[in-house]
């Protein structure tokens, strides 16, 4: 881990999301991606901590890296297909 949260490929994908969905939809999709990524990442870390109590193995820790692009795509799908927009709440 070199201290970066997003790679350059993720940034390029986020720009493409903005062109596809517009400014409001693009920002909403990226915010959704961060929420989904945090939820999945924390769930995996919690699972790793609970599983480590009963057996040995390699599990995710807080320092583990998981790809962000799938969460960006999920944000696009939620926004584009179902009209999920964080600014409408």
Protein backbone atom coordinates (compact mmCIF):
# COMPACT_ATOMS: atom_id res chain seq x y z
CA UNK A 1 0.00 0.00 0.00
CA UNK A 2 1.54 3.25 -1.10
CA UNK A 3 -1.04 5.59 0.42
CA UNK A 4 -3.21 6.03 -2.67
CA UNK A 5 -6.94 5.43 -2.39
CA UNK A 6 -7.67 5.40 -6.12
CA UNK A 7 -5.47 4.49 -9.03
CA UNK A 8 -5.24 6.40 -12.30
CA UNK A 9 -7.51 3.84 -14.03
CA UNK A 10 -10.22 4.51 -11.44
CA UNK A 11 -9.90 8.25 -12.04
CA UNK A 12 -10.28 7.76 -15.81
CA UNK A 13 -13.34 5.58 -15.21
CA UNK A 14 -14.83 8.27 -12.95
CA UNK A 15 -14.39 10.84 -15.72
CA UNK A 16 -16.16 8.47 -18.12
CA UNK A 17 -18.98 8.11 -15.61
CA UNK A 18 -19.35 11.88 -15.56
CA UNK A 19 -19.64 11.99 -19.35
CA UNK A 20 -22.16 9.15 -19.33
CA UNK A 21 -24.40 10.30 -16.48
CA UNK A 22 -23.78 14.04 -16.34
CA UNK A 23 -22.38 15.98 -13.41
CA UNK A 24 -25.08 15.20 -10.82
CA UNK A 25 -25.46 11.55 -11.84
CA UNK A 26 -21.71 11.06 -12.06
CA UNK A 27 -21.03 12.46 -8.61
CA UNK A 28 -23.90 10.38 -7.26
CA UNK A 29 -22.51 7.19 -8.84
CA UNK A 30 -19.03 7.83 -7.42
CA UNK A 31 -20.46 8.51 -3.94
CA UNK A 32 -22.46 5.27 -4.19
CA UNK A 33 -19.29 3.45 -5.22
CA UNK A 34 -17.46 4.73 -2.13
CA UNK A 35 -20.37 3.67 0.13
CA UNK A 36 -20.56 0.22 -1.45
CA UNK A 37 -16.79 -0.23 -1.32
CA UNK A 38 -16.70 0.77 2.34
CA UNK A 39 -19.56 -1.57 3.20
CA UNK A 40 -18.00 -4.55 1.41
CA UNK A 41 -14.48 -3.77 2.65
CA UNK A 42 -15.52 -3.45 6.28
CA UNK A 43 -17.62 -6.61 6.01
CA UNK A 44 -14.65 -8.56 4.64
CA UNK A 45 -12.33 -7.26 7.36
CA UNK A 46 -14.89 -8.14 10.04
CA UNK A 47 -15.32 -11.61 8.55
CA UNK A 48 -11.54 -12.04 8.55
CA UNK A 49 -11.26 -11.04 12.19
CA UNK A 50 -14.09 -13.36 13.25
CA UNK A 51 -12.76 -16.27 11.16
CA UNK A 52 -9.24 -15.83 12.49
CA UNK A 53 -10.50 -16.65 15.99
CA UNK A 54 -11.46 -20.19 15.00
CA UNK A 55 -8.94 -21.20 12.30
CA UNK A 56 -5.78 -20.12 10.56
CA UNK A 57 -5.72 -18.74 7.03
CA UNK A 58 -5.16 -15.64 4.95
CA UNK A 59 -7.89 -13.05 5.38
CA UNK A 60 -8.26 -9.39 4.53
CA UNK A 61 -7.00 -6.84 7.01
CA UNK A 62 -7.43 -3.08 7.18
CA UNK A 63 -4.23 -2.77 5.07
CA UNK A 64 -5.51 -5.04 2.27
CA UNK A 65 -6.28 -3.58 -1.13
CA UNK A 66 -9.43 -4.40 -3.08
CA UNK A 67 -10.17 -3.14 -6.60
CA UNK A 68 -12.40 -0.06 -6.76
CA UNK A 69 -13.57 -0.35 -10.40
CA UNK A 70 -16.30 -2.96 -9.67
CA UNK A 71 -17.84 -0.57 -7.15
CA UNK A 72 -17.72 2.27 -9.68
CA UNK A 73 -19.55 0.03 -12.16
CA UNK A 74 -22.12 -0.85 -9.48
CA UNK A 75 -22.64 2.87 -8.89
CA UNK A 76 -23.28 3.34 -12.62
CA UNK A 77 -25.80 0.48 -12.67
CA UNK A 78 -27.66 1.77 -9.60
CA UNK A 79 -27.80 5.27 -11.04
CA UNK A 80 -28.48 4.47 -14.68
CA UNK A 81 -30.88 1.53 -14.48
CA UNK A 82 -32.71 2.27 -11.24
CA UNK A 83 -32.31 6.05 -11.06
CA UNK A 84 -30.72 5.88 -7.61
CA UNK A 85 -29.44 9.38 -6.89
CA UNK A 86 -27.91 10.43 -3.54
CA UNK A 87 -28.96 14.06 -4.07
CA UNK A 88 -32.68 13.22 -4.05
CA UNK A 89 -32.79 12.09 -0.41
